[in-house]
């Protein structure tokens, strides 16, 4: 079986195409985010999506409140597509999440969501220091010290700013406040690139790309057994990167697409 490789196509993208796309990706952002979000899954292998390390709730008796405010989300969207699962039987849908309906719970933990976005799609209340600290911590897990890495952000160059400003002016649009402010921290070192966004989610890219051994199958529609085997391999070789004391594998999914193809994905959570 040929070795599965990821991200090879990204290296062939022309830089000019990326710059030209800068302006257009700001427009109608919500119409494109939601269809993409329906397909976005935790990527493992060459790209590790590492969520912000959770802060465990206090074990002290929580205070109860019956006057919590109603949450409101004010934005306009177009068609968002089908949000659901397709299966021939409920047993085909698998998830090792430890939460179960029959659990006797009196309270639930409440976490403050770190992500806030303005109506133009730009993140607000960005904590660049926290983003940089998280990126450096991940670099440390990969064996790099702060002296080994270079820290930058995604602030556009003066050339790009001038081109974008001219483009907006030509169509009679004003550039929103904060449009050119950075929204990501980027840490690079020998063979790696770590990107942390406003939600404190990190993406790691390896160069050259790392391949799974040939006996592993991690294509889009690998079977449950093949996906579980890959998860075991990743846990064995990248355990330190996960930063968990007792990581537990969660192979989840099992729903079908319109072509009758079944898919599973890999996640990890902290065990007890």
C-alpha atoms as a PDB file:
ATOM      1  CA  UNK A   1       0.000   0.000   0.000  1.00  0.00           C
ATOM      2  CA  UNK A   2       1.366   3.405  -0.873  1.00  0.00           C
ATOM      3  CA  UNK A   3       2.334   5.586   2.023  1.00  0.00           C
ATOM      4  CA  UNK A   4      -0.339   8.114   2.870  1.00  0.00           C
ATOM      5  CA  UNK A   5       0.969  11.643   2.578  1.00  0.00           C
ATOM      6  CA  UNK A   6      -0.811  14.856   3.487  1.00  0.00           C
ATOM      7  CA  UNK A   7      -0.309  18.506   2.584  1.00  0.00           C
ATOM      8  CA  UNK A   8       1.845  17.884  -0.520  1.00  0.00           C
ATOM      9  CA  UNK A   9      -0.509  19.947  -2.655  1.00  0.00           C
ATOM     10  CA  UNK A  10      -0.125  23.020  -0.421  1.00  0.00           C
ATOM     11  CA  UNK A  11       3.517  23.424  -1.420  1.00  0.00           C
ATOM     12  CA  UNK A  12       2.488  23.947  -5.054  1.00  0.00           C
ATOM     13  CA  UNK A  13       0.205  26.942  -4.453  1.00  0.00           C
ATOM     14  CA  UNK A  14       1.481  30.092  -6.145  1.00  0.00           C
ATOM     15  CA  UNK A  15       2.119  32.915  -3.629  1.00  0.00           C
ATOM     16  CA  UNK A  16       0.471  35.434  -5.943  1.00  0.00           C
ATOM     17  CA  UNK A  17      -2.745  33.446  -5.872  1.00  0.00           C
ATOM     18  CA  UNK A  18      -2.674  33.609  -2.090  1.00  0.00           C
ATOM     19  CA  UNK A  19      -2.227  37.397  -2.128  1.00  0.00           C
ATOM     20  CA  UNK A  20      -4.984  37.839  -4.704  1.00  0.00           C
ATOM     21  CA  UNK A  21      -7.311  35.779  -2.568  1.00  0.00           C
ATOM     22  CA  UNK A  22      -6.655  37.968   0.487  1.00  0.00           C
ATOM     23  CA  UNK A  23      -9.287  40.542  -0.432  1.00  0.00           C
ATOM     24  CA  UNK A  24     -11.951  38.114  -1.551  1.00  0.00           C
ATOM     25  CA  UNK A  25     -11.747  35.909   1.510  1.00  0.00           C
ATOM     26  CA  UNK A  26     -12.870  38.855   3.647  1.00  0.00           C
ATOM     27  CA  UNK A  27     -16.141  39.252   1.742  1.00  0.00           C
ATOM     28  CA  UNK A  28     -19.156  37.167   2.477  1.00  0.00           C
ATOM     29  CA  UNK A  29     -17.071  35.326   5.044  1.00  0.00           C
ATOM     30  CA  UNK A  30     -20.031  33.840   6.875  1.00  0.00           C
ATOM     31  CA  UNK A  31     -21.480  32.331   3.684  1.00  0.00           C
ATOM     32  CA  UNK A  32     -18.301  30.361   3.248  1.00  0.00           C
ATOM     33  CA  UNK A  33     -17.480  29.548   6.823  1.00  0.00           C
ATOM     34  CA  UNK A  34     -20.544  27.464   7.583  1.00  0.00           C
ATOM     35  CA  UNK A  35     -20.389  25.041   4.637  1.00  0.00           C
ATOM     36  CA  UNK A  36     -16.694  24.590   5.341  1.00  0.00           C
ATOM     37  CA  UNK A  37     -17.376  24.108   9.028  1.00  0.00           C
ATOM     38  CA  UNK A  38     -19.659  21.188   8.262  1.00  0.00           C
ATOM     39  CA  UNK A  39     -16.692  19.380   6.719  1.00  0.00           C
ATOM     40  CA  UNK A  40     -13.971  20.521   9.095  1.00  0.00           C
ATOM     41  CA  UNK A  41     -12.751  17.620  11.256  1.00  0.00           C
ATOM     42  CA  UNK A  42      -9.838  17.229  13.619  1.00  0.00           C
ATOM     43  CA  UNK A  43      -6.852  16.486  11.390  1.00  0.00           C
ATOM     44  CA  UNK A  44      -4.204  14.095  12.631  1.00  0.00           C
ATOM     45  CA  UNK A  45      -1.030  12.803  11.056  1.00  0.00           C
ATOM     46  CA  UNK A  46       0.817  15.701   9.522  1.00  0.00           C
ATOM     47  CA  UNK A  47      -1.475  18.380  10.879  1.00  0.00           C
ATOM     48  CA  UNK A  48      -2.362  18.234  14.538  1.00  0.00           C
ATOM     49  CA  UNK A  49      -5.154  20.519  15.612  1.00  0.00           C
ATOM     50  CA  UNK A  50      -4.489  21.115  19.265  1.00  0.00           C
ATOM     51  CA  UNK A  51      -7.241  22.739  21.243  1.00  0.00           C
ATOM     52  CA  UNK A  52      -6.512  25.113  24.036  1.00  0.00           C
ATOM     53  CA  UNK A  53      -5.617  23.187  27.204  1.00  0.00           C
ATOM     54  CA  UNK A  54      -8.815  23.024  29.176  1.00  0.00           C
ATOM     55  CA  UNK A  55      -9.030  24.448  32.643  1.00  0.00           C
ATOM     56  CA  UNK A  56     -10.750  21.931  34.851  1.00  0.00           C
ATOM     57  CA  UNK A  57     -13.698  23.334  36.790  1.00  0.00           C
ATOM     58  CA  UNK A  58     -13.305  23.856  40.494  1.00  0.00           C
ATOM     59  CA  UNK A  59     -14.308  20.923  42.674  1.00  0.00           C
ATOM     60  CA  UNK A  60     -15.934  23.260  45.176  1.00  0.00           C
ATOM     61  CA  UNK A  61     -19.719  23.462  45.358  1.00  0.00           C
ATOM     62  CA  UNK A  62     -20.829  25.668  42.434  1.00  0.00           C
ATOM     63  CA  UNK A  63     -23.179  28.567  42.884  1.00  0.00           C
ATOM     64  CA  UNK A  64     -26.470  28.167  41.052  1.00  0.00           C
ATOM     65  CA  UNK A  65     -28.228  30.900  39.126  1.00  0.00           C
ATOM     66  CA  UNK A  66     -31.664  30.913  37.541  1.00  0.00           C
ATOM     67  CA  UNK A  67     -31.304  34.262  35.783  1.00  0.00           C
ATOM     68  CA  UNK A  68     -28.662  33.494  33.171  1.00  0.00           C
ATOM     69  CA  UNK A  69     -29.006  35.778  30.134  1.00  0.00           C
ATOM     70  CA  UNK A  70     -30.308  34.466  26.842  1.00  0.00           C
ATOM     71  CA  UNK A  71     -27.474  34.166  24.326  1.00  0.00           C
ATOM     72  CA  UNK A  72     -28.088  35.907  21.014  1.00  0.00           C
ATOM     73  CA  UNK A  73     -26.099  35.635  17.797  1.00  0.00           C
ATOM     74  CA  UNK A  74     -26.700  38.462  15.367  1.00  0.00           C
ATOM     75  CA  UNK A  75     -25.613  37.662  11.842  1.00  0.00           C
ATOM     76  CA  UNK A  76     -27.142  36.846   8.497  1.00  0.00           C
ATOM     77  CA  UNK A  77     -26.447  33.645   6.653  1.00  0.00           C
ATOM     78  CA  UNK A  78     -27.553  32.017   3.462  1.00  0.00           C
ATOM     79  CA  UNK A  79     -28.227  28.343   3.010  1.00  0.00           C
ATOM     80  CA  UNK A  80     -26.191  26.338   5.488  1.00  0.00           C
ATOM     81  CA  UNK A  81     -26.690  22.868   4.081  1.00  0.00           C
ATOM     82  CA  UNK A  82     -27.711  19.688   5.837  1.00  0.00           C
ATOM     83  CA  UNK A  83     -26.557  19.343   9.444  1.00  0.00           C
ATOM     84  CA  UNK A  84     -27.068  15.754  10.533  1.00  0.00           C
ATOM     85  CA  UNK A  85     -25.943  12.154  10.267  1.00  0.00           C
ATOM     86  CA  UNK A  86     -26.900   9.565   7.684  1.00  0.00           C
ATOM     87  CA  UNK A  87     -26.766   5.877   8.613  1.00  0.00           C
ATOM     88  CA  UNK A  88     -28.678   2.677   7.980  1.00  0.00           C
ATOM     89  CA  UNK A  89     -28.828   1.981  11.718  1.00  0.00           C
ATOM     90  CA  UNK A  90     -28.040   4.025  14.809  1.00  0.00           C
ATOM     91  CA  UNK A  91     -25.427   1.450  15.850  1.00  0.00           C
ATOM     92  CA  UNK A  92     -23.286   2.480  12.869  1.00  0.00           C
ATOM     93  CA  UNK A  93     -22.637   5.844  14.509  1.00  0.00           C
ATOM     94  CA  UNK A  94     -19.803   5.479  17.015  1.00  0.00           C
ATOM     95  CA  UNK A  95     -18.272   7.822  19.565  1.00  0.00           C
ATOM     96  CA  UNK A  96     -16.158   7.002  22.603  1.00  0.00           C
ATOM     97  CA  UNK A  97     -17.134  10.196  24.366  1.00  0.00           C
ATOM     98  CA  UNK A  98     -17.559   9.216  28.039  1.00  0.00           C
ATOM     99  CA  UNK A  99     -20.714  11.303  28.492  1.00  0.00           C
ATOM    100  CA  UNK A 100     -23.876   9.197  28.488  1.00  0.00           C
ATOM    101  CA  UNK A 101     -27.565  10.041  28.696  1.00  0.00           C
ATOM    102  CA  UNK A 102     -28.079   7.817  31.735  1.00  0.00           C
ATOM    103  CA  UNK A 103     -25.514   9.677  33.863  1.00  0.00           C
ATOM    104  CA  UNK A 104     -26.942  11.213  37.024  1.00  0.00           C
ATOM    105  CA  UNK A 105     -25.600  14.769  36.815  1.00  0.00           C
ATOM    106  CA  UNK A 106     -26.640  17.589  39.110  1.00  0.00           C
ATOM    107  CA  UNK A 107     -24.483  20.311  37.523  1.00  0.00           C
ATOM    108  CA  UNK A 108     -22.479  20.852  34.355  1.00  0.00           C
ATOM    109  CA  UNK A 109     -19.208  22.751  33.936  1.00  0.00           C
ATOM    110  CA  UNK A 110     -19.467  26.080  32.138  1.00  0.00           C
ATOM    111  CA  UNK A 111     -16.462  27.334  30.192  1.00  0.00           C
ATOM    112  CA  UNK A 112     -15.862  30.792  28.852  1.00  0.00           C
ATOM    113  CA  UNK A 113     -15.508  30.574  25.088  1.00  0.00           C
ATOM    114  CA  UNK A 114     -12.223  32.187  23.999  1.00  0.00           C
ATOM    115  CA  UNK A 115     -13.388  33.123  20.505  1.00  0.00           C
ATOM    116  CA  UNK A 116     -15.193  36.372  19.632  1.00  0.00           C
ATOM    117  CA  UNK A 117     -15.823  37.625  16.119  1.00  0.00           C
ATOM    118  CA  UNK A 118     -17.017  40.933  14.755  1.00  0.00           C
ATOM    119  CA  UNK A 119     -19.725  41.155  12.101  1.00  0.00           C
ATOM    120  CA  UNK A 120     -17.047  41.414   9.392  1.00  0.00           C
ATOM    121  CA  UNK A 121     -15.596  38.064  10.411  1.00  0.00           C
ATOM    122  CA  UNK A 122     -12.557  39.450  12.209  1.00  0.00           C
ATOM    123  CA  UNK A 123     -11.747  38.023  15.651  1.00  0.00           C
ATOM    124  CA  UNK A 124     -11.913  40.522  18.502  1.00  0.00           C
ATOM    125  CA  UNK A 125     -10.336  40.639  21.964  1.00  0.00           C
ATOM    126  CA  UNK A 126      -7.264  38.843  20.636  1.00  0.00           C
ATOM    127  CA  UNK A 127      -4.723  37.889  23.300  1.00  0.00           C
ATOM    128  CA  UNK A 128      -1.487  37.812  21.326  1.00  0.00           C
ATOM    129  CA  UNK A 129       0.579  37.050  24.432  1.00  0.00           C
ATOM    130  CA  UNK A 130      -1.490  33.964  25.233  1.00  0.00           C
ATOM    131  CA  UNK A 131      -1.314  32.854  21.602  1.00  0.00           C
ATOM    132  CA  UNK A 132       2.467  33.206  21.570  1.00  0.00           C
ATOM    133  CA  UNK A 133       2.844  31.391  24.888  1.00  0.00           C
ATOM    134  CA  UNK A 134       0.739  28.496  23.602  1.00  0.00           C
ATOM    135  CA  UNK A 135       2.749  28.277  20.360  1.00  0.00           C
ATOM    136  CA  UNK A 136       6.029  28.241  22.299  1.00  0.00           C
ATOM    137  CA  UNK A 137       4.720  25.545  24.630  1.00  0.00           C
ATOM    138  CA  UNK A 138       3.878  23.333  21.659  1.00  0.00           C
ATOM    139  CA  UNK A 139       7.320  23.988  20.180  1.00  0.00           C
ATOM    140  CA  UNK A 140       8.774  22.890  23.502  1.00  0.00           C
ATOM    141  CA  UNK A 141       6.855  19.622  23.316  1.00  0.00           C
ATOM    142  CA  UNK A 142       8.531  19.045  19.971  1.00  0.00           C
ATOM    143  CA  UNK A 143      11.961  19.603  21.505  1.00  0.00           C
ATOM    144  CA  UNK A 144      12.576  23.235  20.516  1.00  0.00           C
ATOM    145  CA  UNK A 145      13.637  25.937  22.959  1.00  0.00           C
ATOM    146  CA  UNK A 146      12.689  29.600  22.569  1.00  0.00           C
ATOM    147  CA  UNK A 147      16.129  30.300  21.113  1.00  0.00           C
ATOM    148  CA  UNK A 148      15.500  27.728  18.369  1.00  0.00           C
ATOM    149  CA  UNK A 149      12.360  29.342  16.959  1.00  0.00           C
ATOM    150  CA  UNK A 150      11.264  32.487  15.147  1.00  0.00           C
ATOM    151  CA  UNK A 151       8.030  34.198  16.231  1.00  0.00           C
ATOM    152  CA  UNK A 152       6.007  36.244  13.731  1.00  0.00           C
ATOM    153  CA  UNK A 153       2.341  36.950  12.959  1.00  0.00           C
ATOM    154  CA  UNK A 154       0.074  37.157   9.920  1.00  0.00           C
ATOM    155  CA  UNK A 155       0.100  40.930   9.612  1.00  0.00           C
ATOM    156  CA  UNK A 156       0.113  41.742   5.860  1.00  0.00           C
ATOM    157  CA  UNK A 157       3.109  43.453   4.285  1.00  0.00           C
ATOM    158  CA  UNK A 158       3.016  47.124   3.341  1.00  0.00           C
ATOM    159  CA  UNK A 159       2.781  46.064  -0.305  1.00  0.00           C
ATOM    160  CA  UNK A 160      -0.284  43.933   0.413  1.00  0.00           C
ATOM    161  CA  UNK A 161      -1.872  46.676   2.522  1.00  0.00           C
ATOM    162  CA  UNK A 162      -1.457  49.177  -0.319  1.00  0.00           C
ATOM    163  CA  UNK A 163      -2.919  46.747  -2.871  1.00  0.00           C
ATOM    164  CA  UNK A 164      -5.907  45.882  -0.678  1.00  0.00           C
ATOM    165  CA  UNK A 165      -6.567  49.547   0.128  1.00  0.00           C
ATOM    166  CA  UNK A 166      -6.502  50.423  -3.564  1.00  0.00           C
ATOM    167  CA  UNK A 167      -8.834  47.554  -4.408  1.00  0.00           C
ATOM    168  CA  UNK A 168     -11.398  48.586  -1.801  1.00  0.00           C
ATOM    169  CA  UNK A 169     -11.234  52.209  -2.938  1.00  0.00           C
ATOM    170  CA  UNK A 170     -11.839  51.189  -6.557  1.00  0.00           C
ATOM    171  CA  UNK A 171     -15.172  49.605  -5.624  1.00  0.00           C
ATOM    172  CA  UNK A 172     -16.171  52.329  -3.174  1.00  0.00           C
ATOM    173  CA  UNK A 173     -15.780  50.310   0.004  1.00  0.00           C
ATOM    174  CA  UNK A 174     -14.128  51.352   3.240  1.00  0.00           C
ATOM    175  CA  UNK A 175     -11.759  49.027   5.012  1.00  0.00           C
ATOM    176  CA  UNK A 176     -13.151  48.055   8.440  1.00  0.00           C
ATOM    177  CA  UNK A 177     -11.260  49.056  11.558  1.00  0.00           C
ATOM    178  CA  UNK A 178      -8.695  46.481  12.566  1.00  0.00           C
ATOM    179  CA  UNK A 179      -8.768  44.800   9.175  1.00  0.00           C
ATOM    180  CA  UNK A 180      -4.978  44.654   8.975  1.00  0.00           C
ATOM    181  CA  UNK A 181      -4.375  43.717  12.589  1.00  0.00           C
ATOM    182  CA  UNK A 182      -2.781  40.280  13.125  1.00  0.00           C
ATOM    183  CA  UNK A 183      -5.038  37.375  14.082  1.00  0.00           C
ATOM    184  CA  UNK A 184      -2.473  34.564  14.244  1.00  0.00           C
ATOM    185  CA  UNK A 185       0.875  33.896  15.865  1.00  0.00           C
ATOM    186  CA  UNK A 186       3.336  31.894  13.778  1.00  0.00           C
ATOM    187  CA  UNK A 187       6.310  30.039  15.231  1.00  0.00           C
ATOM    188  CA  UNK A 188       8.800  28.458  12.850  1.00  0.00           C
ATOM    189  CA  UNK A 189      11.800  26.258  13.493  1.00  0.00           C
ATOM    190  CA  UNK A 190      13.759  23.616  11.661  1.00  0.00           C
ATOM    191  CA  UNK A 191      11.181  21.477   9.893  1.00  0.00           C
ATOM    192  CA  UNK A 192       8.057  22.819  11.617  1.00  0.00           C
ATOM    193  CA  UNK A 193       5.570  25.669  11.414  1.00  0.00           C
ATOM    194  CA  UNK A 194       3.125  26.257  14.277  1.00  0.00           C
ATOM    195  CA  UNK A 195       0.153  28.575  13.762  1.00  0.00           C
ATOM    196  CA  UNK A 196      -2.080  29.629  16.673  1.00  0.00           C
ATOM    197  CA  UNK A 197      -5.340  31.487  16.045  1.00  0.00           C
ATOM    198  CA  UNK A 198      -7.544  33.664  18.241  1.00  0.00           C
ATOM    199  CA  UNK A 199      -9.305  30.585  19.663  1.00  0.00           C
ATOM    200  CA  UNK A 200      -5.916  29.283  20.835  1.00  0.00           C
ATOM    201  CA  UNK A 201      -6.152  26.400  18.403  1.00  0.00           C
ATOM    202  CA  UNK A 202      -2.798  25.375  16.994  1.00  0.00           C
ATOM    203  CA  UNK A 203      -1.925  23.815  13.658  1.00  0.00           C
ATOM    204  CA  UNK A 204       1.445  22.114  13.199  1.00  0.00           C
ATOM    205  CA  UNK A 205       2.909  21.553   9.751  1.00  0.00           C
ATOM    206  CA  UNK A 206       6.005  19.450   9.209  1.00  0.00           C
ATOM    207  CA  UNK A 207       8.457  20.093   6.375  1.00  0.00           C
ATOM    208  CA  UNK A 208       9.271  17.684   4.897  1.00  0.00           C
ATOM    209  CA  UNK A 209       5.892  16.108   5.444  1.00  0.00           C
ATOM    210  CA  UNK A 210       5.749  13.073   7.708  1.00  0.00           C
ATOM    211  CA  UNK A 211       4.258   9.899   6.259  1.00  0.00           C
ATOM    212  CA  UNK A 212       2.543   7.035   7.994  1.00  0.00           C
ATOM    213  CA  UNK A 213       4.196   3.642   7.533  1.00  0.00           C
ATOM    214  CA  UNK A 214       2.936   1.813   4.465  1.00  0.00           C
ATOM    215  CA  UNK A 215       0.855  -0.717   6.387  1.00  0.00           C
ATOM    216  CA  UNK A 216      -1.474   2.005   7.687  1.00  0.00           C
ATOM    217  CA  UNK A 217      -4.528   3.185   5.761  1.00  0.00           C
ATOM    218  CA  UNK A 218      -5.747   6.669   6.620  1.00  0.00           C
ATOM    219  CA  UNK A 219      -7.622   7.695   3.509  1.00  0.00           C
ATOM    220  CA  UNK A 220     -10.861   9.676   3.714  1.00  0.00           C
ATOM    221  CA  UNK A 221     -12.995   6.551   3.930  1.00  0.00           C
ATOM    222  CA  UNK A 222     -10.779   4.117   5.834  1.00  0.00           C
ATOM    223  CA  UNK A 223     -12.649   1.503   7.859  1.00  0.00           C
ATOM    224  CA  UNK A 224     -13.139   1.748  11.608  1.00  0.00           C
ATOM    225  CA  UNK A 225     -10.441  -0.875  12.175  1.00  0.00           C
ATOM    226  CA  UNK A 226      -7.935   0.943   9.942  1.00  0.00           C
ATOM    227  CA  UNK A 227      -8.678   4.277  11.599  1.00  0.00           C
ATOM    228  CA  UNK A 228      -8.266   2.793  15.068  1.00  0.00           C
ATOM    229  CA  UNK A 229      -4.891   1.326  14.052  1.00  0.00           C
ATOM    230  CA  UNK A 230      -3.738   4.779  12.927  1.00  0.00           C
ATOM    231  CA  UNK A 231      -4.918   6.295  16.208  1.00  0.00           C
ATOM    232  CA  UNK A 232      -2.868   3.728  18.137  1.00  0.00           C
ATOM    233  CA  UNK A 233       0.192   4.610  16.049  1.00  0.00           C
ATOM    234  CA  UNK A 234      -0.243   8.357  16.576  1.00  0.00           C
ATOM    235  CA  UNK A 235      -0.712   7.924  20.305  1.00  0.00           C
ATOM    236  CA  UNK A 236       2.440   5.836  20.538  1.00  0.00           C
ATOM    237  CA  UNK A 237       4.654   8.204  18.543  1.00  0.00           C
ATOM    238  CA  UNK A 238       3.157  11.612  19.425  1.00  0.00           C
ATOM    239  CA  UNK A 239       2.019  11.086  22.998  1.00  0.00           C
ATOM    240  CA  UNK A 240       4.153  13.922  24.335  1.00  0.00           C
ATOM    241  CA  UNK A 241       2.707  16.316  21.779  1.00  0.00           C
ATOM    242  CA  UNK A 242      -0.822  15.681  23.045  1.00  0.00           C
ATOM    243  CA  UNK A 243       0.157  16.927  26.496  1.00  0.00           C
ATOM    244  CA  UNK A 244      -2.270  14.601  28.296  1.00  0.00           C
ATOM    245  CA  UNK A 245      -1.564  12.455  31.328  1.00  0.00           C
ATOM    246  CA  UNK A 246      -3.960   9.686  30.335  1.00  0.00           C
ATOM    247  CA  UNK A 247      -4.955  10.197  26.692  1.00  0.00           C
ATOM    248  CA  UNK A 248      -7.888   8.102  25.511  1.00  0.00           C
ATOM    249  CA  UNK A 249      -8.523   7.390  21.833  1.00  0.00           C
ATOM    250  CA  UNK A 250     -11.877   8.417  20.406  1.00  0.00           C
ATOM    251  CA  UNK A 251     -12.611   7.091  16.912  1.00  0.00           C
ATOM    252  CA  UNK A 252     -15.891   8.744  16.030  1.00  0.00           C
ATOM    253  CA  UNK A 253     -18.205   9.012  13.052  1.00  0.00           C
ATOM    254  CA  UNK A 254     -19.593   6.227  10.920  1.00  0.00           C
ATOM    255  CA  UNK A 255     -22.111   8.293   8.988  1.00  0.00           C
ATOM    256  CA  UNK A 256     -22.419   8.104   5.212  1.00  0.00           C
ATOM    257  CA  UNK A 257     -22.139  10.716   2.516  1.00  0.00           C
ATOM    258  CA  UNK A 258     -24.427  10.907  -0.507  1.00  0.00           C
ATOM    259  CA  UNK A 259     -22.193   8.403  -2.312  1.00  0.00           C
ATOM    260  CA  UNK A 260     -22.750   5.779   0.387  1.00  0.00           C
ATOM    261  CA  UNK A 261     -19.199   6.196   1.694  1.00  0.00           C
ATOM    262  CA  UNK A 262     -18.655   5.826   5.436  1.00  0.00           C
ATOM    263  CA  UNK A 263     -16.150   7.979   7.321  1.00  0.00           C
ATOM    264  CA  UNK A 264     -14.449   7.910  10.730  1.00  0.00           C
ATOM    265  CA  UNK A 265     -12.229  10.465  12.417  1.00  0.00           C
ATOM    266  CA  UNK A 266      -9.757  10.497  15.286  1.00  0.00           C
ATOM    267  CA  UNK A 267      -9.753  12.467  18.512  1.00  0.00           C
ATOM    268  CA  UNK A 268      -8.179  12.171  21.944  1.00  0.00           C
ATOM    269  CA  UNK A 269      -9.441  13.202  25.366  1.00  0.00           C
ATOM    270  CA  UNK A 270      -8.017  13.182  28.869  1.00  0.00           C
ATOM    271  CA  UNK A 271      -8.982  10.058  30.766  1.00  0.00           C
ATOM    272  CA  UNK A 272      -9.683   9.793  34.472  1.00  0.00           C
END
